Amino acid sequence: MATDEVKQVVATNRTRPGKQTEGVDNYLRSSRYKELVTYPMDLAGYAEEGSFYLAANATRGTGLGGQTAPTDLTLDTKALLYIQNTMTDANGDYLVLKYVRLQVTVAGTAGTNTSWADEIDVGATDRYTSGGTLLTVVGANTDLTQAATARIRFGILVTAAASASRRNLGSGVVRTAIAVVGDTYLFVYGKDTMPLSSMLVAGTAVANIVIPRPPVVLGPQDQYLLHFANASQTAAASYEVEIGYVQR
């Protein structure tokens, strides 16, 4: 008696394949070495397929000035970081934040603490009004030239009031004392485990501080805003900035 064989067809795609129609049978995906590619991947896998992007300030070693005010977190109209997914197609790519790294290059003057808050908002109202520096977004894989769809601005931003659909994600304290030149503040998004740094946030020693955040996914036209506030501050701090995200 003949034995029927069922074989699953696998397509080799080192780079990201095109979008597939929902609900339609298709090939599985493998690497060049026949490893089955499954979702989710790590950052190296996203970079290889051309989905991982970076943004940073243009001049190495030179920070971008932040807000002198607000001195508390009640003002939505002054953000430090603004990210928007500029796609207009409802079926377009999502942006998935991975990290934001800020390193203090100028400590500011007279601030007694640094606190943060972040939020997401829909794209019906563009929250960006003016100010800040537009960061250049680049892909992490130099062999591929897929277009980035994030608009990222950092610095002294003027932003519109929140829409009715705004979702506050949280808030907290970065430091209970004035920032120190060399401090690094790392916001990490979507980790299953949420480690906190053991470095004290008071005093004058340089601190490396990890701030765990929930997953942040921006659909077409959606926006993410990060706010900093410094009680009693009279002159702004400056930061080198680096942002990593997946576009998929």
Protein backbone atom coordinates (compact mmCIF):
# COMPACT_ATOMS: atom_id res chain seq x y z
CA MET A 1 0.00 0.00 0.00
CA ALA A 2 1.36 3.39 -0.96
CA THR A 3 2.25 5.76 1.83
CA ASP A 4 1.04 9.30 1.43
CA GLU A 5 3.58 11.96 2.35
CA VAL A 6 2.67 15.44 3.47
CA LYS A 7 5.42 17.99 3.02
CA GLN A 8 5.41 21.57 4.27
CA VAL A 9 6.90 23.94 1.71
CA VAL A 10 9.38 26.43 3.20
CA ALA A 11 10.55 29.56 1.41
CA THR A 12 14.03 30.96 2.06
CA ASN A 13 13.79 34.68 2.88
CA ARG A 14 16.88 36.25 4.40
CA THR A 15 15.32 39.70 3.99
CA ARG A 16 11.80 40.54 5.05
CA PRO A 17 9.16 39.12 2.68
CA GLY A 18 6.22 41.16 1.50
CA LYS A 19 3.04 41.41 3.55
CA GLN A 20 0.77 38.41 3.17
CA THR A 21 -3.01 38.41 2.87
CA GLU A 22 -4.76 37.63 6.14
CA GLY A 23 -6.30 34.16 6.30
CA VAL A 24 -4.60 32.82 3.14
CA ASP A 25 -2.33 29.77 3.31
CA ASN A 26 1.28 30.54 2.47
CA TYR A 27 4.83 29.28 2.76
CA LEU A 28 6.68 29.08 6.02
CA ARG A 29 9.85 31.18 6.15
CA SER A 30 13.40 29.91 6.71
CA SER A 31 16.90 31.35 6.80
CA ARG A 32 19.54 30.50 4.20
CA TYR A 33 20.56 27.61 6.44
CA LYS A 34 17.05 26.12 6.73
CA GLU A 35 16.35 27.37 10.26
CA LEU A 36 12.65 28.08 10.57
CA VAL A 37 11.99 31.78 11.23
CA THR A 38 9.35 32.29 13.88
CA TYR A 39 7.90 35.43 15.43
CA PRO A 40 8.97 37.17 17.62
CA MET A 41 12.64 37.52 16.71
CA ASP A 42 15.46 39.20 18.60
CA LEU A 43 16.94 42.55 17.58
CA ALA A 44 19.64 40.92 15.45
CA GLY A 45 16.97 39.12 13.44
CA TYR A 46 15.00 42.33 12.95
CA ALA A 47 18.18 44.09 11.82
CA GLU A 48 19.01 41.35 9.32
CA GLU A 49 15.61 41.53 7.66
CA GLY A 50 15.73 45.35 7.59
CA SER A 51 13.16 46.11 10.28
CA PHE A 52 15.36 47.64 13.02
CA TYR A 53 16.00 51.40 12.99
CA LEU A 54 18.04 53.87 15.01
CA ALA A 55 17.93 57.61 15.58
CA ALA A 56 20.53 59.76 17.35
CA ASN A 57 21.70 63.36 17.63
CA ALA A 58 23.77 64.36 14.63
CA THR A 59 27.00 65.49 16.34
CA ARG A 60 28.83 62.98 18.48
CA GLY A 61 29.56 64.22 21.97
CA THR A 62 27.30 67.25 21.63
CA GLY A 63 24.00 67.12 23.47
CA LEU A 64 20.65 68.58 22.56
CA GLY A 65 19.10 71.03 24.99
CA GLY A 66 16.02 69.97 26.91
CA GLN A 67 13.20 71.92 28.51
CA THR A 68 13.96 74.49 31.22
CA ALA A 69 10.31 74.19 32.23
CA PRO A 70 7.97 72.61 33.17
CA THR A 71 9.01 72.17 36.75
CA ASP A 72 6.33 69.49 37.21
CA LEU A 73 4.56 66.94 35.00
CA THR A 74 1.19 68.69 34.64
CA LEU A 75 1.94 70.35 31.28
CA ASP A 76 1.27 68.14 28.25
CA THR A 77 2.36 70.99 25.97
CA LYS A 78 6.09 70.71 26.69
CA ALA A 79 7.57 67.34 25.73
CA LEU A 80 11.20 66.25 25.54
CA LEU A 81 10.70 63.48 22.95
CA TYR A 82 8.06 63.09 20.24
CA ILE A 83 7.72 60.04 17.98
CA GLN A 84 5.07 59.63 15.31
CA ASN A 85 4.39 56.82 12.87
CA THR A 86 3.87 58.86 9.69
CA MET A 87 2.22 56.09 7.67
CA THR A 88 -1.30 56.95 6.47
CA ASP A 89 -2.32 53.51 5.21
CA ALA A 90 -4.45 51.83 7.87
CA ASN A 91 -2.73 48.54 6.98
CA GLY A 92 0.73 50.10 7.20
CA ASP A 93 3.64 49.15 9.41
CA TYR A 94 3.60 49.40 13.18
CA LEU A 95 6.43 51.01 15.13
CA VAL A 96 7.48 49.02 18.20
CA LEU A 97 9.72 50.93 20.60
CA LYS A 98 12.69 49.04 22.04
CA TYR A 99 14.71 51.63 23.95
CA VAL A 100 15.48 55.31 24.48
CA ARG A 101 18.93 56.15 25.85
CA LEU A 102 19.68 59.62 27.23
CA GLN A 103 23.14 60.64 28.42
CA VAL A 104 23.53 63.94 30.25
CA THR A 105 26.08 66.30 28.65
CA VAL A 106 25.03 69.46 30.56
CA ALA A 107 23.52 69.07 34.02
CA GLY A 108 21.35 72.16 34.02
CA THR A 109 21.14 74.62 36.87
CA ALA A 110 19.33 74.60 40.23
CA GLY A 111 17.16 71.57 39.57
CA THR A 112 16.41 69.56 42.69
CA ASN A 113 15.15 66.42 40.95
CA THR A 114 14.26 64.94 37.57
CA SER A 115 10.96 63.16 36.95
CA TRP A 116 9.41 61.65 33.82
CA ALA A 117 6.04 60.75 32.33
CA ASP A 118 5.08 59.17 29.01
CA GLU A 119 1.94 58.74 26.93
CA ILE A 120 0.60 57.53 23.62
CA ASP A 121 -2.01 59.29 21.52
CA VAL A 122 -3.89 58.59 18.30
CA GLY A 123 -3.12 60.43 15.11
CA ALA A 124 -6.40 62.30 14.68
CA THR A 125 -4.67 65.35 16.17
CA ASP A 126 -0.98 65.90 15.45
CA ARG A 127 0.46 66.74 18.87
CA TYR A 128 3.67 68.27 17.47
CA THR A 129 3.48 72.06 17.11
CA SER A 130 7.02 73.43 16.91
CA GLY A 131 10.57 73.31 18.22
CA GLY A 132 13.06 70.56 18.93
CA THR A 133 15.51 68.86 16.60
CA LEU A 134 14.38 66.44 13.90
CA LEU A 135 16.50 63.31 14.29
CA THR A 136 17.73 61.35 11.29
CA VAL A 137 16.48 57.76 11.30
CA VAL A 138 18.70 55.07 9.77
CA GLY A 139 18.36 51.36 9.27
CA ALA A 140 20.73 49.09 11.18
CA ASN A 141 21.40 46.97 8.06
CA THR A 142 23.48 48.86 5.48
CA ASP A 143 22.65 46.33 2.75
CA LEU A 144 18.98 47.34 2.79
CA THR A 145 17.30 50.68 2.12
CA GLN A 146 13.76 50.24 3.37
CA ALA A 147 12.16 53.60 4.11
CA ALA A 148 11.73 54.60 7.74
CA THR A 149 8.32 55.96 8.68
CA ALA A 150 9.09 57.43 12.12
CA ARG A 151 9.20 61.18 12.68
CA ILE A 152 11.29 61.77 15.79
CA ARG A 153 11.92 65.15 17.41
CA PHE A 154 13.86 65.83 20.59
CA GLY A 155 14.52 68.88 22.73
CA ILE A 156 12.55 72.02 23.44
CA LEU A 157 9.25 70.89 21.97
CA VAL A 158 5.91 72.66 21.93
CA THR A 159 3.15 70.06 21.75
CA ALA A 160 -0.62 70.34 21.54
CA ALA A 161 -2.96 69.33 24.33
CA ALA A 162 -3.81 65.65 24.49
CA SER A 163 -6.75 64.22 22.58
CA ALA A 164 -9.60 62.42 24.31
CA SER A 165 -7.96 59.15 23.26
CA ARG A 166 -4.64 59.85 25.00
CA ARG A 167 -3.38 57.00 27.19
CA ASN A 168 -1.08 57.81 30.07
CA LEU A 169 1.50 55.06 30.44
CA GLY A 170 3.06 56.09 33.73
CA SER A 171 5.40 58.44 35.53
CA GLY A 172 8.23 58.31 38.02
CA VAL A 173 11.49 59.78 39.27
CA VAL A 174 14.78 59.59 37.41
CA ARG A 175 16.85 61.28 40.11
CA THR A 176 16.03 62.84 43.46
CA ALA A 177 18.94 65.26 42.99
CA ILE A 178 20.22 67.41 40.12
CA ALA A 179 21.50 65.44 37.13
CA VAL A 180 25.21 64.73 36.81
CA VAL A 181 27.20 65.00 33.58
CA GLY A 182 27.70 61.44 32.36
CA ASP A 183 24.43 60.11 33.79
CA THR A 184 22.77 57.59 31.46
CA TYR A 185 19.01 57.04 31.59
CA LEU A 186 17.85 53.98 29.66
CA PHE A 187 14.12 53.54 29.00
CA VAL A 188 13.48 49.92 27.97
CA TYR A 189 10.14 48.95 26.40
CA GLY A 190 8.30 45.65 26.51
CA LYS A 191 10.66 43.41 28.47
CA ASP A 192 8.98 40.49 30.23
CA THR A 193 11.32 41.01 33.17
CA MET A 194 11.61 44.55 34.48
CA PRO A 195 15.00 45.08 36.16
CA LEU A 196 15.68 48.22 38.15
CA SER A 197 19.19 49.59 38.44
CA SER A 198 20.79 49.40 41.87
CA MET A 199 22.55 52.75 41.54
CA LEU A 200 21.32 55.35 44.01
CA VAL A 201 19.42 58.20 42.37
CA ALA A 202 20.61 60.75 44.94
CA GLY A 203 24.10 62.19 45.39
CA THR A 204 26.72 63.40 42.92
CA ALA A 205 28.09 60.13 41.52
CA VAL A 206 27.42 59.34 37.86
CA ALA A 207 24.36 57.09 37.65
CA ASN A 208 23.32 54.49 35.07
CA ILE A 209 19.57 54.18 35.54
CA VAL A 210 17.26 51.68 33.83
CA ILE A 211 13.58 52.63 33.62
CA PRO A 212 11.37 49.71 32.56
CA ARG A 213 8.36 50.59 30.41
CA PRO A 214 5.46 48.56 29.00
CA PRO A 215 5.31 47.58 25.33
CA VAL A 216 4.63 50.60 23.09
CA VAL A 217 3.19 49.96 19.62
CA LEU A 218 2.35 52.88 17.33
CA GLY A 219 -0.03 52.27 14.47
CA PRO A 220 -0.24 54.60 11.46
CA GLN A 221 -0.29 58.26 12.58
CA ASP A 222 -0.08 57.34 16.29
CA GLN A 223 2.27 59.23 18.62
CA TYR A 224 4.47 58.68 21.67
CA LEU A 225 5.55 61.53 23.95
CA LEU A 226 8.11 61.48 26.77
CA HIS A 227 8.10 64.36 29.25
CA PHE A 228 10.80 65.41 31.72
CA ALA A 229 10.29 67.84 34.58
CA ASN A 230 12.86 69.41 36.91
CA ALA A 231 11.72 71.08 40.11
CA SER A 232 13.29 74.54 40.63
CA GLN A 233 15.38 74.29 37.46
CA THR A 234 16.58 77.61 36.00
CA ALA A 235 18.70 76.39 33.05
CA ALA A 236 18.07 73.31 30.95
CA ALA A 237 20.02 70.07 30.88
CA SER A 238 21.34 68.71 27.57
CA TYR A 239 21.43 65.11 26.42
CA GLU A 240 22.90 62.83 23.83
CA VAL A 241 20.03 60.69 22.62
CA GLU A 242 19.73 57.30 20.95
CA ILE A 243 16.47 55.55 20.06
CA GLY A 244 15.94 52.03 18.74
CA TYR A 245 12.69 50.70 17.33
CA VAL A 246 11.28 48.02 15.06
CA GLN A 247 9.17 48.93 12.03
CA ARG A 248 7.11 46.02 10.85
